[in-house]
Amino acid sequence: KLRYLIRFGNETRWLADLESRKVESSGLLGPHEGVVKLDFRQSNREFLSALRVTPRTVMRYKLSSAGQKENRVLRAILSPIPGSRGDATVTLSSGGREFYRNELSAEDDPQDLSLPMPAGEELVVSVEFGERLAYPCGVDLRDAHVAVPASPQEGGRP
C-alpha cells in the first residue's frame, strides 16, 4: 500500500523545516507558545506533519533566494484543530502583500490550499480569533510547503 508520495525539487521548502525569523504570540492570558510542530510520519494519518497555530500568533519565515520567484506556490491543508470550539481567521502575506484571508469555524472541513504567492523575502502567517471566541481554538496547517513548480521546458507539468 502506498500511503504517501513525496516528489519535490530543490526549490521546495517545508514550513515545519524553515527557521522562523520571529514568532509573536499572546493569548488572552498573556504571551505563550503559539506554534507546535507535529510529526505524523510514524502514524497512519494521511499527512506527514502539521503546524498547530493558536490565535493571536504571527509567524515570519525567511524565504531563500528561490522563494523570491514570482511563480512560487504555497500548498497546505488548512483545518480547524481537533476539538476546536472557536473561529479563527488565517492571513497569509509575502512581500508586504496579503494573498489569502479566510475565517474557519470549528465545523469547517479541511481545505486544500494551492495559492500563488507574490514575490518577497518573507512569508507571514497570522492567526487571529474569528467571530466566535471560545477555547480550544486554532488551525492546523498540514504538510505546508512553498514550491516553485517545474516549467514545461524542464520536463514538469504546469
Protein backbone atom coordinates (compact mmCIF):
# COMPACT_ATOMS: atom_id res chain seq x y z
CA LYS A 1 0.00 0.00 0.00
CA LEU A 2 1.21 3.45 -0.87
CA ARG A 3 0.35 5.90 1.88
CA TYR A 4 2.22 8.99 0.79
CA LEU A 5 4.37 10.03 -2.17
CA ILE A 6 6.80 12.91 -1.81
CA ARG A 7 8.03 14.47 -5.05
CA PHE A 8 9.72 17.81 -4.99
CA GLY A 9 12.76 19.57 -6.33
CA ASN A 10 15.45 21.64 -4.71
CA GLU A 11 13.13 24.64 -4.62
CA THR A 12 10.54 23.13 -2.24
CA ARG A 13 10.65 24.27 1.37
CA TRP A 14 8.52 22.70 4.13
CA LEU A 15 7.29 25.29 6.62
CA ALA A 16 7.98 22.91 9.51
CA ASP A 17 11.65 22.86 8.43
CA LEU A 18 12.03 26.59 7.79
CA GLU A 19 13.52 28.56 10.62
CA SER A 20 11.13 31.28 11.57
CA ARG A 21 12.59 34.75 11.83
CA LYS A 22 10.20 35.64 14.58
CA VAL A 23 7.11 34.24 16.27
CA GLU A 24 4.87 36.64 18.15
CA SER A 25 2.13 35.08 20.22
CA SER A 26 -0.08 36.38 23.01
CA GLY A 27 -3.27 34.70 24.12
CA LEU A 28 -5.97 36.12 26.32
CA LEU A 29 -3.83 35.30 29.36
CA GLY A 30 -0.61 36.77 28.01
CA PRO A 31 2.38 35.55 25.97
CA HIS A 32 2.55 31.83 25.20
CA GLU A 33 3.91 29.31 22.70
CA GLY A 34 1.61 29.81 19.72
CA VAL A 35 3.03 27.19 17.35
CA VAL A 36 3.52 23.46 17.83
CA LYS A 37 5.24 21.32 15.18
CA LEU A 38 3.57 17.91 14.93
CA ASP A 39 5.27 14.92 13.28
CA PHE A 40 2.93 12.20 11.98
CA ARG A 41 5.44 10.15 9.96
CA GLN A 42 5.09 7.16 12.28
CA SER A 43 1.29 7.26 12.38
CA ASN A 44 -1.37 6.11 9.94
CA ARG A 45 -2.51 9.64 9.09
CA GLU A 46 -2.84 10.82 5.51
CA PHE A 47 -0.35 13.64 6.11
CA LEU A 48 3.19 13.74 7.47
CA SER A 49 3.37 16.90 9.54
CA ALA A 50 1.34 19.82 10.79
CA LEU A 51 1.89 23.22 12.29
CA ARG A 52 -0.73 23.78 15.01
CA VAL A 53 -1.23 27.52 15.43
CA THR A 54 -3.30 29.24 18.10
CA PRO A 55 -4.96 32.65 17.66
CA ARG A 56 -3.03 35.86 18.19
CA THR A 57 0.08 34.34 16.63
CA VAL A 58 2.21 35.79 13.84
CA MET A 59 4.99 33.71 12.28
CA ARG A 60 7.58 35.24 9.95
CA TYR A 61 9.58 32.89 7.72
CA LYS A 62 12.65 33.92 5.76
CA LEU A 63 12.43 32.54 2.25
CA SER A 64 15.53 31.51 0.33
CA SER A 65 16.50 33.20 -2.91
CA ALA A 66 14.40 30.55 -4.67
CA GLY A 67 11.43 31.87 -2.72
CA GLN A 68 11.73 35.29 -4.34
CA LYS A 69 10.47 33.99 -7.66
CA GLU A 70 7.10 35.13 -8.96
CA ASN A 71 5.81 31.64 -9.75
CA ARG A 72 6.03 30.05 -6.31
CA VAL A 73 3.03 28.40 -4.66
CA LEU A 74 2.07 27.76 -1.03
CA ARG A 75 0.44 24.36 -0.64
CA ALA A 76 -1.16 23.02 2.54
CA ILE A 77 -4.28 21.51 4.01
CA LEU A 78 -5.89 24.03 6.34
CA SER A 79 -8.24 22.79 9.05
CA PRO A 80 -9.52 23.74 12.49
CA ILE A 81 -7.64 21.96 15.29
CA PRO A 82 -9.30 18.79 16.60
CA GLY A 83 -11.90 19.65 19.24
CA SER A 84 -11.95 23.31 18.24
CA ARG A 85 -14.85 25.34 19.60
CA GLY A 86 -13.93 28.81 18.34
CA ASP A 87 -13.42 30.51 14.99
CA ALA A 88 -10.02 31.55 13.66
CA THR A 89 -9.00 33.93 10.89
CA VAL A 90 -5.92 32.99 8.87
CA THR A 91 -4.00 35.60 6.88
CA LEU A 92 -1.02 34.88 4.58
CA SER A 93 1.21 37.55 3.07
CA SER A 94 4.50 37.85 1.25
CA GLY A 95 6.44 40.85 0.06
CA GLY A 96 4.11 43.10 2.07
CA ARG A 97 1.09 41.88 0.07
CA GLU A 98 -1.74 39.81 1.54
CA PHE A 99 -2.60 36.90 -0.76
CA TYR A 100 -5.01 34.89 1.40
CA ARG A 101 -7.51 35.54 4.19
CA ASN A 102 -10.15 33.16 5.46
CA GLU A 103 -12.17 32.59 8.62
CA LEU A 104 -12.54 28.98 9.69
CA SER A 105 -15.26 27.88 12.03
CA ALA A 106 -14.91 24.82 14.23
CA GLU A 107 -17.31 22.87 11.97
CA ASP A 108 -15.45 23.54 8.69
CA ASP A 109 -13.97 20.69 6.66
CA PRO A 110 -10.24 20.74 5.82
CA GLN A 111 -9.41 22.91 2.80
CA ASP A 112 -6.75 22.14 0.19
CA LEU A 113 -4.70 25.26 -0.46
CA SER A 114 -2.62 25.84 -3.57
CA LEU A 115 -2.02 29.58 -3.55
CA PRO A 116 0.18 31.61 -5.90
CA MET A 117 2.45 33.82 -3.81
CA PRO A 118 3.71 37.32 -4.58
CA ALA A 119 7.49 37.76 -4.75
CA GLY A 120 9.19 38.58 -1.47
CA GLU A 121 11.83 37.51 1.01
CA GLU A 122 9.43 36.72 3.84
CA LEU A 123 6.26 34.68 4.34
CA VAL A 124 4.00 35.92 7.14
CA VAL A 125 1.39 33.57 8.62
CA SER A 126 -1.06 35.21 11.01
CA VAL A 127 -3.84 33.56 13.00
CA GLU A 128 -6.38 35.64 14.93
CA PHE A 129 -9.64 34.92 16.70
CA GLY A 130 -12.70 34.88 14.49
CA GLU A 131 -16.24 35.91 15.33
CA ARG A 132 -16.88 33.11 17.86
CA LEU A 133 -14.40 33.38 20.73
CA ALA A 134 -14.06 30.04 22.55
CA TYR A 135 -11.29 27.64 23.60
CA PRO A 136 -9.84 25.42 22.34
CA CYS A 137 -9.27 27.31 19.11
CA GLY A 138 -6.71 27.30 16.33
CA VAL A 139 -5.76 25.88 12.96
CA ASP A 140 -3.61 23.09 11.61
CA LEU A 141 -1.50 23.69 8.51
CA ARG A 142 -0.91 20.13 7.34
CA ASP A 143 2.06 19.35 5.08
CA ALA A 144 2.55 23.07 4.43
CA HIS A 145 5.28 23.89 1.91
CA VAL A 146 6.40 26.54 -0.54
CA ALA A 147 7.22 25.19 -4.00
CA VAL A 148 8.34 26.52 -7.34
CA PRO A 149 6.61 24.27 -9.87
CA ALA A 150 8.75 22.91 -12.70
CA SER A 151 8.14 24.61 -16.00
CA PRO A 152 7.11 22.54 -19.06
CA GLN A 153 10.58 23.20 -20.53
CA GLU A 154 12.13 21.44 -17.50
CA GLY A 155 10.01 18.35 -18.05
CA GLY A 156 7.45 19.13 -15.34
CA ARG A 157 3.72 19.53 -15.65
CA PRO A 158 2.26 23.04 -15.44
